[in-house]
Amino acid sequence: MSSSIRISDETKAKLEAVKREDETFDELLDRLAITRTEEDVREMAGFAEEGIEEHMKQKREDLNDSFEGRTTGPE
């Protein structure tokens, strides 16, 4: 049994942009329609080491500090 769904031209263009050459739209939508369980989300959330957020903030501040005083082009 098949079904029809209506989508805008913009949405169709976006889907066509990610559709593989040898893939049907049904296969594309099946590939994109991934169901995540709460357990999946918890596992993904735990991939980073503890304290990584603070480390990243510090590195960003360090990088911003290193750019202070630089010009964007010749004067």
C-alpha atoms as a PDB file:
ATOM      1  CA  MET A   1       0.000   0.000   0.000  1.00  0.00           C
ATOM      2  CA  SER A   2       1.321   3.436  -0.818  1.00  0.00           C
ATOM      3  CA  SER A   3       0.462   6.834   0.578  1.00  0.00           C
ATOM      4  CA  SER A   4       0.778  10.352  -0.713  1.00  0.00           C
ATOM      5  CA  ILE A   5       2.023  13.275   1.313  1.00  0.00           C
ATOM      6  CA  ARG A   6       1.966  16.929   0.336  1.00  0.00           C
ATOM      7  CA  ILE A   7       5.120  18.983   0.763  1.00  0.00           C
ATOM      8  CA  SER A   8       6.056  22.466  -0.364  1.00  0.00           C
ATOM      9  CA  ASP A   9       8.348  23.031  -3.340  1.00  0.00           C
ATOM     10  CA  GLU A  10      10.957  24.349  -0.895  1.00  0.00           C
ATOM     11  CA  THR A  11      10.817  21.175   1.186  1.00  0.00           C
ATOM     12  CA  LYS A  12      11.005  19.026  -1.948  1.00  0.00           C
ATOM     13  CA  ALA A  13      14.110  20.916  -3.078  1.00  0.00           C
ATOM     14  CA  LYS A  14      15.732  20.346   0.321  1.00  0.00           C
ATOM     15  CA  LEU A  15      14.952  16.636   0.146  1.00  0.00           C
ATOM     16  CA  GLU A  16      16.277  16.401  -3.407  1.00  0.00           C
ATOM     17  CA  ALA A  17      19.514  18.028  -2.243  1.00  0.00           C
ATOM     18  CA  VAL A  18      20.185  15.213   0.261  1.00  0.00           C
ATOM     19  CA  LYS A  19      18.718  12.375  -1.805  1.00  0.00           C
ATOM     20  CA  ARG A  20      21.271   9.931  -3.112  1.00  0.00           C
ATOM     21  CA  GLU A  21      21.342   9.349  -6.858  1.00  0.00           C
ATOM     22  CA  ASP A  22      20.301   5.688  -6.596  1.00  0.00           C
ATOM     23  CA  GLU A  23      17.727   6.279  -3.842  1.00  0.00           C
ATOM     24  CA  THR A  24      13.953   6.575  -4.069  1.00  0.00           C
ATOM     25  CA  PHE A  25      12.116   9.212  -2.061  1.00  0.00           C
ATOM     26  CA  ASP A  26      10.688   6.408   0.087  1.00  0.00           C
ATOM     27  CA  GLU A  27      14.211   5.176   0.846  1.00  0.00           C
ATOM     28  CA  LEU A  28      15.353   8.737   1.572  1.00  0.00           C
ATOM     29  CA  LEU A  29      12.529   9.389   4.023  1.00  0.00           C
ATOM     30  CA  ASP A  30      13.101   6.026   5.679  1.00  0.00           C
ATOM     31  CA  ARG A  31      16.795   6.889   6.087  1.00  0.00           C
ATOM     32  CA  LEU A  32      15.983  10.318   7.548  1.00  0.00           C
ATOM     33  CA  ALA A  33      13.184   9.141   9.848  1.00  0.00           C
ATOM     34  CA  ILE A  34      15.316   7.883  12.702  1.00  0.00           C
ATOM     35  CA  THR A  35      13.513   7.245  15.961  1.00  0.00           C
ATOM     36  CA  ARG A  36      15.530   8.100  19.054  1.00  0.00           C
ATOM     37  CA  THR A  37      14.679   6.627  22.427  1.00  0.00           C
ATOM     38  CA  GLU A  38      15.402   8.370  25.715  1.00  0.00           C
ATOM     39  CA  GLU A  39      18.211   5.866  26.248  1.00  0.00           C
ATOM     40  CA  ASP A  40      19.749   6.804  22.866  1.00  0.00           C
ATOM     41  CA  VAL A  41      19.717  10.477  23.848  1.00  0.00           C
ATOM     42  CA  ARG A  42      21.291   9.755  27.244  1.00  0.00           C
ATOM     43  CA  GLU A  43      24.047   7.726  25.585  1.00  0.00           C
ATOM     44  CA  MET A  44      24.767  10.512  23.084  1.00  0.00           C
ATOM     45  CA  ALA A  45      24.778  13.131  25.826  1.00  0.00           C
ATOM     46  CA  GLY A  46      27.452  11.201  27.679  1.00  0.00           C
ATOM     47  CA  PHE A  47      29.956  11.069  24.823  1.00  0.00           C
ATOM     48  CA  ALA A  48      31.867  14.118  26.036  1.00  0.00           C
ATOM     49  CA  GLU A  49      34.125  14.064  29.026  1.00  0.00           C
ATOM     50  CA  GLU A  50      32.959  15.715  32.195  1.00  0.00           C
ATOM     51  CA  GLY A  51      34.041  19.354  32.347  1.00  0.00           C
ATOM     52  CA  ILE A  52      34.285  19.725  28.567  1.00  0.00           C
ATOM     53  CA  GLU A  53      31.878  22.677  28.557  1.00  0.00           C
ATOM     54  CA  GLU A  54      34.080  24.729  30.893  1.00  0.00           C
ATOM     55  CA  HIS A  55      37.182  23.716  28.945  1.00  0.00           C
ATOM     56  CA  MET A  56      35.584  24.871  25.672  1.00  0.00           C
ATOM     57  CA  LYS A  57      34.512  28.194  27.212  1.00  0.00           C
ATOM     58  CA  GLN A  58      38.068  28.803  28.430  1.00  0.00           C
ATOM     59  CA  LYS A  59      39.553  27.972  25.023  1.00  0.00           C
ATOM     60  CA  ARG A  60      37.094  30.372  23.373  1.00  0.00           C
ATOM     61  CA  GLU A  61      38.079  33.136  25.787  1.00  0.00           C
ATOM     62  CA  ASP A  62      41.764  32.407  25.125  1.00  0.00           C
ATOM     63  CA  LEU A  63      41.184  32.603  21.383  1.00  0.00           C
ATOM     64  CA  ASN A  64      39.226  35.853  21.680  1.00  0.00           C
ATOM     65  CA  ASP A  65      41.991  37.321  23.859  1.00  0.00           C
ATOM     66  CA  SER A  66      44.596  36.371  21.247  1.00  0.00           C
ATOM     67  CA  PHE A  67      42.680  38.350  18.606  1.00  0.00           C
ATOM     68  CA  GLU A  68      42.347  41.512  20.697  1.00  0.00           C
ATOM     69  CA  GLY A  69      44.224  44.432  19.230  1.00  0.00           C
ATOM     70  CA  ARG A  70      44.573  42.905  15.781  1.00  0.00           C
ATOM     71  CA  THR A  71      43.347  44.892  12.816  1.00  0.00           C
ATOM     72  CA  THR A  72      41.194  43.554  10.016  1.00  0.00           C
ATOM     73  CA  GLY A  73      43.296  45.015   7.245  1.00  0.00           C
ATOM     74  CA  PRO A  74      45.945  47.495   6.230  1.00  0.00           C
ATOM     75  CA  GLU A  75      45.569  51.011   7.560  1.00  0.00           C
END
